[in-house]
Amino acid sequence: MHKHIARRVGATLAAVAVAASLTGCQDGGDKTKADRGAEQSAGQSTSVQALTAAYKKTAAAKTAKVSMTMTVPASLKGGGEKRVVGVMGWHPLAMDVTVTDGKPGAAAGDAGKNHVIWADDAFYTDLRTGMGAPADEYGDKKWAKIDLKAAAAEAGGKAVQQMAAGLQDMQQDPSQQLAVLLNSRDIKDLGPAEVDGRKVRHYRGSLTVQEAIKGRKTVELLTPAEREKLVANMEKTGIKGYDYDVWVDGDQYPVKMDSQIKTPQGTMRITSTYSDYGITASVKAPPAGETADLIQMLKDIAAQAKGGAGAA
């Protein structure tokens, strides 16, 4: 049973981590990053001014409803379509979402679905959704939990720094996506448009690999040589850069974002829509009595395996 839980939870966490890291890859709460983007743009262009205003207002909202779809070419590892729908908050980071993971060629009913909560620096995944097992298999435990900071503390040293940096990189924050776009040197105003019946303005920009990773806390932990190697390895895969499209409504909120990464195997695409900025989003951790600690489960599995090997 423990192995079954660990395998399924691991897949869920990977899906959410990928989604979060790709949709919000800047360090949180640094308004000067967007301000610098505006200052560095010749003539304080209206496009940069508009996106800077949207950045500040979105950062202050701190909550929104989100619907995100990530498509990865089937030829790449983890290929297929992932969807994340629910509510999120930032500063501090919080999520209450449903993650649907569709594999290439799978029937619609075969998609794995998991209810995931991120609260107080911990992941929780609902053992009753998408686990492919009777509801009573896990007894009174309805959730599996992984405390990210506790896991990093056990590893110690640099692992703690990397975990803390990773938490800041994974902000799942639309304001930080605007900060990413403001690193671009060629932001364009494509004019008025409509998204779900709402009048919006469409902006587009492209970024090099270096611009796209600028400001990531996990990257800042690397030495200059390591950063250079990271960029070189990314470019070796055929990734030349990233394209960003943002649609901003009359209230200065981004209502849709689309990012594309072109690779030799095909285009990776993430499309997100946002609504209800500033809503009261009370994301709470499940009751302690209903949660099972995943780290302890893995320790138990390792101990059992070691004991079995010793007995043999």
Protein backbone atom coordinates (compact mmCIF):
# COMPACT_ATOMS: atom_id res chain seq x y z
CA MET A 1 0.00 0.00 0.00
CA HIS A 2 2.75 2.48 0.93
CA LYS A 3 4.54 1.88 -2.35
CA HIS A 4 1.32 2.52 -4.24
CA ILE A 5 0.79 5.81 -2.41
CA ALA A 6 4.38 6.95 -2.87
CA ARG A 7 4.32 6.26 -6.60
CA ARG A 8 1.04 8.10 -7.19
CA VAL A 9 1.89 11.05 -4.95
CA GLY A 10 5.29 11.40 -6.59
CA ALA A 11 3.64 11.71 -9.99
CA THR A 12 1.21 14.31 -8.69
CA LEU A 13 3.90 16.44 -7.08
CA ALA A 14 5.96 16.31 -10.26
CA ALA A 15 3.01 17.54 -12.30
CA VAL A 16 2.26 20.42 -9.96
CA ALA A 17 5.94 21.34 -9.61
CA VAL A 18 6.40 21.46 -13.38
CA ALA A 19 3.28 23.57 -13.79
CA ALA A 20 4.25 25.96 -11.03
CA SER A 21 7.85 26.39 -12.09
CA LEU A 22 6.92 27.05 -15.70
CA THR A 23 4.16 29.52 -14.95
CA GLY A 24 5.98 31.63 -12.37
CA CYS A 25 9.73 31.55 -12.44
CA GLN A 26 10.78 34.82 -10.83
CA ASP A 27 11.56 35.53 -7.21
CA GLY A 28 8.44 36.82 -5.44
CA GLY A 29 7.59 40.27 -4.14
CA ASP A 30 10.35 42.26 -5.87
CA LYS A 31 8.54 45.15 -7.51
CA THR A 32 11.83 46.77 -8.50
CA LYS A 33 12.36 44.02 -11.07
CA ALA A 34 9.40 45.29 -13.10
CA ASP A 35 10.41 48.89 -12.45
CA ARG A 36 13.89 48.18 -13.80
CA GLY A 37 12.33 46.71 -16.93
CA ALA A 38 10.49 49.97 -17.49
CA GLU A 39 13.54 52.10 -16.81
CA GLN A 40 15.66 50.14 -19.25
CA SER A 41 13.15 50.55 -22.09
CA ALA A 42 13.91 53.52 -24.30
CA GLY A 43 11.36 56.28 -23.97
CA GLN A 44 9.32 54.51 -21.31
CA SER A 45 7.16 52.92 -24.02
CA THR A 46 3.44 52.75 -23.42
CA SER A 47 3.57 48.95 -23.65
CA VAL A 48 6.13 48.69 -20.86
CA GLN A 49 4.27 51.26 -18.79
CA ALA A 50 1.01 49.33 -19.18
CA LEU A 51 2.59 46.01 -18.24
CA THR A 52 4.41 47.57 -15.30
CA ALA A 53 1.11 48.94 -14.00
CA ALA A 54 -0.48 45.52 -14.48
CA TYR A 55 2.43 43.90 -12.64
CA LYS A 56 1.99 46.14 -9.59
CA LYS A 57 -1.78 45.76 -9.42
CA THR A 58 -1.65 41.98 -9.89
CA ALA A 59 1.05 41.58 -7.24
CA ALA A 60 -1.16 43.48 -4.79
CA ALA A 61 -4.24 41.32 -5.55
CA LYS A 62 -2.57 38.20 -4.06
CA THR A 63 -5.34 35.78 -5.11
CA ALA A 64 -7.15 34.64 -8.26
CA LYS A 65 -8.93 31.74 -9.89
CA VAL A 66 -6.82 29.94 -12.48
CA SER A 67 -7.29 27.51 -15.33
CA MET A 68 -4.01 26.41 -16.89
CA THR A 69 -3.23 23.95 -19.66
CA MET A 70 0.32 22.77 -20.38
CA THR A 71 0.99 20.84 -23.59
CA VAL A 72 4.28 18.98 -24.09
CA PRO A 73 5.17 17.20 -27.36
CA ALA A 74 4.62 13.45 -27.17
CA SER A 75 8.24 12.82 -28.16
CA LEU A 76 9.52 14.57 -25.03
CA LYS A 77 9.67 13.00 -21.58
CA GLY A 78 6.43 13.67 -19.74
CA GLY A 79 4.69 14.45 -23.02
CA GLY A 80 0.97 15.02 -23.08
CA GLU A 81 -1.41 17.56 -21.63
CA LYS A 82 -1.66 18.66 -18.01
CA ARG A 83 -4.45 20.86 -16.71
CA VAL A 84 -4.58 22.75 -13.43
CA VAL A 85 -7.87 24.33 -12.31
CA GLY A 86 -8.69 25.98 -9.00
CA VAL A 87 -7.73 28.90 -6.80
CA MET A 88 -4.30 30.19 -5.88
CA GLY A 89 -2.66 32.82 -3.75
CA TRP A 90 0.81 34.36 -3.66
CA HIS A 91 2.87 36.02 -0.94
CA PRO A 92 2.47 33.56 0.72
CA LEU A 93 2.07 30.84 -1.88
CA ALA A 94 -1.12 28.78 -1.61
CA MET A 95 -3.03 26.51 -3.99
CA ASP A 96 -6.19 24.44 -3.97
CA VAL A 97 -6.37 22.89 -7.42
CA THR A 98 -7.30 19.82 -9.40
CA VAL A 99 -4.52 18.47 -11.62
CA THR A 100 -5.51 16.39 -14.64
CA ASP A 101 -2.71 14.52 -16.39
CA GLY A 102 -3.51 13.22 -19.86
CA LYS A 103 -1.01 10.96 -21.62
CA PRO A 104 -0.62 10.92 -25.42
CA GLY A 105 -3.06 8.52 -27.07
CA ALA A 106 -5.01 7.86 -23.87
CA ALA A 107 -8.79 7.86 -23.85
CA ALA A 108 -10.48 10.79 -22.15
CA GLY A 109 -11.50 8.65 -19.18
CA ASP A 110 -7.93 7.49 -18.64
CA ALA A 111 -6.62 10.87 -17.54
CA GLY A 112 -5.27 10.86 -13.99
CA LYS A 113 -6.97 13.39 -11.75
CA ASN A 114 -5.66 14.57 -8.40
CA HIS A 115 -6.83 17.13 -5.86
CA VAL A 116 -3.80 19.02 -4.56
CA ILE A 117 -3.44 21.61 -1.80
CA TRP A 118 -0.35 23.70 -1.13
CA ALA A 119 -0.51 25.43 2.25
CA ASP A 120 2.11 26.45 4.81
CA ASP A 121 5.01 25.23 2.62
CA ALA A 122 3.58 21.73 2.35
CA PHE A 123 2.02 19.69 -0.46
CA TYR A 124 -1.09 17.60 0.17
CA THR A 125 -2.64 15.24 -2.35
CA ASP A 126 -6.04 13.62 -1.87
CA LEU A 127 -5.69 9.84 -1.65
CA ARG A 128 -9.34 9.46 -2.64
CA THR A 129 -8.95 10.98 -6.11
CA GLY A 130 -7.24 9.31 -9.02
CA MET A 131 -5.53 6.63 -6.94
CA GLY A 132 -7.21 3.68 -8.63
CA ALA A 133 -7.98 1.95 -5.35
CA PRO A 134 -11.00 1.50 -3.05
CA ALA A 135 -11.70 4.54 -0.89
CA ASP A 136 -11.12 2.56 2.32
CA GLU A 137 -7.71 1.17 1.31
CA TYR A 138 -5.91 3.92 3.22
CA GLY A 139 -7.93 3.65 6.40
CA ASP A 140 -8.58 6.99 8.06
CA LYS A 141 -5.86 8.73 6.04
CA LYS A 142 -7.39 10.84 3.29
CA TRP A 143 -4.33 12.90 2.37
CA ALA A 144 -0.64 12.32 1.77
CA LYS A 145 1.62 15.18 2.89
CA ILE A 146 5.14 16.23 2.08
CA ASP A 147 6.60 19.07 4.15
CA LEU A 148 9.09 20.65 1.75
CA LYS A 149 11.12 22.55 4.32
CA ALA A 150 11.31 19.56 6.66
CA ALA A 151 12.50 17.38 3.78
CA ALA A 152 15.17 19.93 2.90
CA ALA A 153 16.26 20.26 6.53
CA GLU A 154 16.80 16.51 6.74
CA ALA A 155 19.02 16.67 3.67
CA GLY A 156 20.93 19.60 5.20
CA GLY A 157 23.44 22.06 3.78
CA LYS A 158 23.07 23.13 0.19
CA ALA A 159 19.88 21.11 -0.18
CA VAL A 160 18.17 23.50 2.24
CA GLN A 161 19.22 26.48 0.14
CA GLN A 162 18.08 24.81 -3.05
CA MET A 163 14.72 23.90 -1.55
CA ALA A 164 14.16 27.43 -0.25
CA ALA A 165 15.14 28.85 -3.63
CA GLY A 166 12.86 26.41 -5.37
CA LEU A 167 9.94 27.53 -3.23
CA GLN A 168 10.54 31.12 -4.31
CA ASP A 169 10.86 30.13 -7.97
CA MET A 170 7.59 28.17 -7.84
CA GLN A 171 5.38 31.13 -7.04
CA GLN A 172 2.55 30.25 -9.48
CA ASP A 173 2.06 34.01 -9.64
CA PRO A 174 0.69 35.90 -12.68
CA SER A 175 2.41 39.11 -11.57
CA GLN A 176 5.75 37.35 -11.80
CA GLN A 177 4.92 36.18 -15.30
CA LEU A 178 4.56 39.85 -16.19
CA ALA A 179 7.96 40.43 -14.61
CA VAL A 180 9.36 37.72 -16.89
CA LEU A 181 7.89 39.45 -19.93
CA LEU A 182 9.31 42.79 -18.80
CA ASN A 183 12.79 41.28 -19.22
CA SER A 184 12.09 41.24 -22.96
CA ARG A 185 13.66 43.91 -25.15
CA ASP A 186 10.96 43.79 -27.83
CA ILE A 187 7.55 44.07 -26.18
CA LYS A 188 4.86 44.88 -28.72
CA ASP A 189 1.32 46.23 -28.34
CA LEU A 190 -0.83 44.18 -30.74
CA GLY A 191 -3.94 46.21 -30.06
CA PRO A 192 -7.44 45.52 -28.72
CA ALA A 193 -8.90 42.02 -28.57
CA GLU A 194 -11.50 39.95 -26.70
CA VAL A 195 -11.05 37.07 -24.26
CA ASP A 196 -14.19 35.27 -23.11
CA GLY A 197 -16.28 38.29 -24.02
CA ARG A 198 -14.06 40.74 -22.15
CA LYS A 199 -12.35 43.63 -23.91
CA VAL A 200 -8.60 43.39 -23.46
CA ARG A 201 -5.33 44.61 -24.90
CA HIS A 202 -2.87 42.11 -26.36
CA TYR A 203 0.88 42.35 -25.72
CA ARG A 204 3.65 40.11 -27.01
CA GLY A 205 7.33 39.71 -26.28
CA SER A 206 10.11 37.20 -26.81
CA LEU A 207 13.02 36.31 -24.55
CA THR A 208 16.36 34.65 -25.01
CA VAL A 209 17.31 31.76 -22.76
CA GLN A 210 19.43 34.13 -20.66
CA GLU A 211 16.56 36.61 -20.26
CA ALA A 212 14.08 33.86 -19.39
CA ILE A 213 16.13 32.48 -16.50
CA LYS A 214 17.13 35.89 -15.18
CA GLY A 215 16.13 36.30 -11.54
CA ARG A 216 15.48 32.65 -10.77
CA LYS A 217 16.64 31.97 -7.22
CA THR A 218 17.74 28.43 -8.06
CA VAL A 219 19.90 29.80 -10.87
CA GLU A 220 21.39 32.47 -8.60
CA LEU A 221 22.77 29.67 -6.40
CA LEU A 222 24.91 28.46 -9.29
CA THR A 223 28.45 29.63 -9.91
CA PRO A 224 29.08 31.67 -13.08
CA ALA A 225 30.55 28.57 -14.72
CA GLU A 226 27.51 26.49 -13.74
CA ARG A 227 25.13 29.14 -15.08
CA GLU A 228 27.04 29.26 -18.35
CA LYS A 229 26.83 25.48 -18.61
CA LEU A 230 23.08 25.54 -17.88
CA VAL A 231 22.43 28.02 -20.67
CA ALA A 232 24.68 26.09 -23.06
CA ASN A 233 22.88 22.83 -22.30
CA MET A 234 19.49 24.47 -22.85
CA GLU A 235 20.64 25.87 -26.17
CA LYS A 236 22.05 22.48 -27.19
CA THR A 237 18.54 21.06 -26.93
CA GLY A 238 17.54 23.48 -29.67
CA ILE A 239 15.72 25.95 -27.42
CA LYS A 240 16.42 29.39 -28.80
CA GLY A 241 14.06 31.37 -26.63
CA TYR A 242 10.55 31.88 -25.34
CA ASP A 243 7.52 33.69 -26.74
CA TYR A 244 5.04 35.35 -24.36
CA ASP A 245 1.56 36.70 -25.06
CA VAL A 246 -0.46 38.55 -22.42
CA TRP A 247 -4.00 39.93 -22.58
CA VAL A 248 -4.72 42.71 -20.03
CA ASP A 249 -8.23 43.95 -19.23
CA GLY A 250 -9.43 47.46 -18.46
CA ASP A 251 -8.82 46.91 -14.74
CA GLN A 252 -5.11 46.30 -15.48
CA TYR A 253 -5.27 42.59 -14.68
CA PRO A 254 -3.88 39.89 -16.99
CA VAL A 255 -6.82 37.67 -17.93
CA LYS A 256 -4.91 35.34 -20.23
CA MET A 257 -1.26 34.37 -20.66
CA ASP A 258 0.30 32.16 -23.28
CA SER A 259 3.95 31.07 -23.33
CA GLN A 260 5.62 28.93 -25.97
CA ILE A 261 8.97 27.20 -26.04
CA LYS A 262 9.98 25.94 -29.46
CA THR A 263 12.13 22.80 -29.50
CA PRO A 264 13.22 20.46 -32.32
CA GLN A 265 10.67 17.94 -30.99
CA GLY A 266 7.80 20.43 -31.13
CA THR A 267 6.38 23.35 -29.20
CA MET A 268 5.80 23.30 -25.45
CA ARG A 269 2.88 25.57 -24.64
CA ILE A 270 1.31 26.87 -21.45
CA THR A 271 -1.97 28.76 -21.60
CA SER A 272 -3.47 30.24 -18.43
CA THR A 273 -6.65 32.21 -17.83
CA TYR A 274 -7.27 34.17 -14.63
CA SER A 275 -10.35 35.69 -13.04
CA ASP A 276 -11.71 36.97 -9.72
CA TYR A 277 -8.52 38.74 -8.66
CA GLY A 278 -8.45 39.59 -4.97
CA ILE A 279 -11.08 37.05 -3.96
CA THR A 280 -11.08 35.72 -0.42
CA ALA A 281 -9.30 32.41 -0.91
CA SER A 282 -9.02 30.47 2.32
CA VAL A 283 -6.67 27.62 1.47
CA LYS A 284 -6.35 25.43 4.55
CA ALA A 285 -4.25 22.37 5.22
CA PRO A 286 -6.28 19.18 5.78
CA PRO A 287 -6.78 18.02 9.41
CA ALA A 288 -3.60 16.47 10.80
CA GLY A 289 -5.48 13.31 11.78
CA GLU A 290 -6.42 12.71 8.15
CA THR A 291 -2.92 13.07 6.71
CA ALA A 292 -0.11 10.57 6.25
CA ASP A 293 3.47 11.84 6.11
CA LEU A 294 4.95 10.78 2.78
CA ILE A 295 8.55 11.18 3.96
CA GLN A 296 7.88 8.82 6.86
CA MET A 297 6.20 6.39 4.46
CA LEU A 298 9.30 6.33 2.29
CA LYS A 299 11.46 5.76 5.37
CA ASP A 300 9.24 2.85 6.38
CA ILE A 301 9.49 1.37 2.89
CA ALA A 302 13.29 1.66 2.96
CA ALA A 303 13.43 0.06 6.41
CA GLN A 304 11.18 -2.79 5.32
CA ALA A 305 13.25 -3.35 2.20
CA LYS A 306 16.45 -3.36 4.23
CA GLY A 307 14.96 -5.75 6.75
CA GLY A 308 13.81 -8.07 3.99
CA ALA A 309 17.23 -8.06 2.39
CA GLY A 310 18.87 -8.81 5.74
CA ALA A 311 16.54 -11.71 6.37
CA ALA A 312 17.36 -13.13 2.95
